[in-house]
Amino acid sequence: MDEYVATVLMDGETKPTELKNFGHTPEEVIDNIVQLPNVAYLYHIKRLMDDTVWDFEAELEPLREIRKMISRTEGGIGLELRITESEEEDDTQVH
């Protein structure tokens, strides 16, 4: 397991904060950060053993919403997708 530092923006703050995290992959570290409810924005993560940096530059709330759709079962991992009808009618004619 590798040690990482994530540069983030916490809710209600104006200056970035560095959070230490541990993971086997950068994706695992990003997922760990997404699960922290008080982190609003992820700038980048850096693996400390070799100083490799992964730029992210994204708000985390959209990723939290996607993560809520993922379900685990005995057979594996699934993704719940819902298709809904828009309440607004589109008057555009297609030729």
Protein backbone atom coordinates (compact mmCIF):
# COMPACT_ATOMS: atom_id res chain seq x y z
CA MET A 1 0.00 0.00 0.00
CA ASP A 2 1.36 3.40 -0.98
CA GLU A 3 1.18 6.73 0.80
CA TYR A 4 -0.41 9.69 -1.03
CA VAL A 5 -1.13 13.35 -0.35
CA ALA A 6 -4.34 14.77 -1.80
CA THR A 7 -4.69 18.51 -2.29
CA VAL A 8 -8.34 19.35 -1.70
CA LEU A 9 -10.72 22.18 -0.92
CA MET A 10 -12.83 21.58 2.17
CA ASP A 11 -16.43 22.82 2.41
CA GLY A 12 -16.55 26.46 3.47
CA GLU A 13 -12.80 27.02 2.99
CA THR A 14 -11.00 29.27 0.50
CA LYS A 15 -7.51 27.76 0.71
CA PRO A 16 -6.49 24.22 -0.30
CA THR A 17 -5.74 21.61 2.36
CA GLU A 18 -3.48 18.55 2.09
CA LEU A 19 -4.83 15.22 3.29
CA LYS A 20 -2.70 12.10 3.73
CA ASN A 21 -4.23 8.93 2.35
CA PHE A 22 -3.21 5.33 1.68
CA GLY A 23 -4.13 3.08 -1.22
CA HIS A 24 -2.96 0.45 -3.68
CA THR A 25 -3.79 2.62 -6.72
CA PRO A 26 -4.48 6.30 -7.45
CA GLU A 27 -8.09 5.34 -8.25
CA GLU A 28 -8.50 3.86 -4.78
CA VAL A 29 -7.20 7.06 -3.20
CA ILE A 30 -9.57 9.17 -5.31
CA ASP A 31 -12.46 6.95 -4.23
CA ASN A 32 -11.39 7.39 -0.59
CA ILE A 33 -11.45 11.17 -1.01
CA VAL A 34 -14.86 11.06 -2.74
CA GLN A 35 -16.23 9.30 0.36
CA LEU A 36 -15.20 12.18 2.64
CA PRO A 37 -18.35 14.33 2.80
CA ASN A 38 -16.59 17.57 3.81
CA VAL A 39 -14.28 17.61 0.78
CA ALA A 40 -15.77 19.75 -2.00
CA TYR A 41 -13.01 19.75 -4.64
CA LEU A 42 -9.99 17.60 -5.52
CA TYR A 43 -7.04 19.37 -7.16
CA HIS A 44 -4.54 16.52 -7.40
CA ILE A 45 -2.98 13.58 -5.61
CA LYS A 46 0.72 12.84 -5.23
CA ARG A 47 2.27 9.42 -4.51
CA LEU A 48 5.03 10.09 -2.00
CA MET A 49 7.35 7.20 -2.89
CA ASP A 50 8.12 8.66 -6.35
CA ASP A 51 6.44 12.11 -6.34
CA THR A 52 4.14 11.15 -9.24
CA VAL A 53 1.23 13.61 -9.46
CA TRP A 54 -2.23 12.97 -10.92
CA ASP A 55 -4.15 16.17 -11.66
CA PHE A 56 -7.86 15.90 -11.06
CA GLU A 57 -9.34 19.42 -10.87
CA ALA A 58 -12.95 18.46 -10.20
CA GLU A 59 -15.85 18.97 -7.84
CA LEU A 60 -16.66 15.76 -6.01
CA GLU A 61 -20.45 15.94 -5.61
CA PRO A 62 -21.16 14.54 -9.12
CA LEU A 63 -18.90 11.56 -8.33
CA ARG A 64 -20.73 10.99 -5.06
CA GLU A 65 -24.02 10.86 -6.95
CA ILE A 66 -22.61 8.26 -9.36
CA ARG A 67 -21.15 6.28 -6.47
CA LYS A 68 -24.63 6.05 -4.88
CA MET A 69 -25.81 4.15 -7.97
CA ILE A 70 -23.23 1.38 -7.51
CA SER A 71 -24.42 -1.71 -5.68
CA ARG A 72 -22.51 -4.76 -4.48
CA THR A 73 -23.99 -8.23 -4.50
CA GLU A 74 -22.57 -11.70 -4.04
CA GLY A 75 -22.20 -11.99 -7.80
CA GLY A 76 -20.25 -8.77 -8.28
CA ILE A 77 -20.82 -5.07 -8.70
CA GLY A 78 -23.76 -3.47 -10.52
CA LEU A 79 -24.77 0.00 -11.63
CA GLU A 80 -28.34 1.20 -11.19
CA LEU A 81 -29.49 3.37 -14.07
CA ARG A 82 -32.88 5.05 -14.28
CA ILE A 83 -34.42 6.60 -17.35
CA THR A 84 -37.06 9.20 -16.63
CA GLU A 85 -39.29 11.25 -18.88
CA SER A 86 -38.80 14.97 -18.94
CA GLU A 87 -41.87 16.91 -17.82
CA GLU A 88 -41.25 19.58 -20.45
CA GLU A 89 -42.52 18.84 -23.91
CA ASP A 90 -40.21 19.42 -26.84
CA ASP A 91 -41.99 21.12 -29.73
CA THR A 92 -39.06 20.61 -32.10
CA GLN A 93 -40.09 18.81 -35.25
CA VAL A 94 -37.80 16.19 -36.67
CA HIS A 95 -37.80 15.84 -40.47
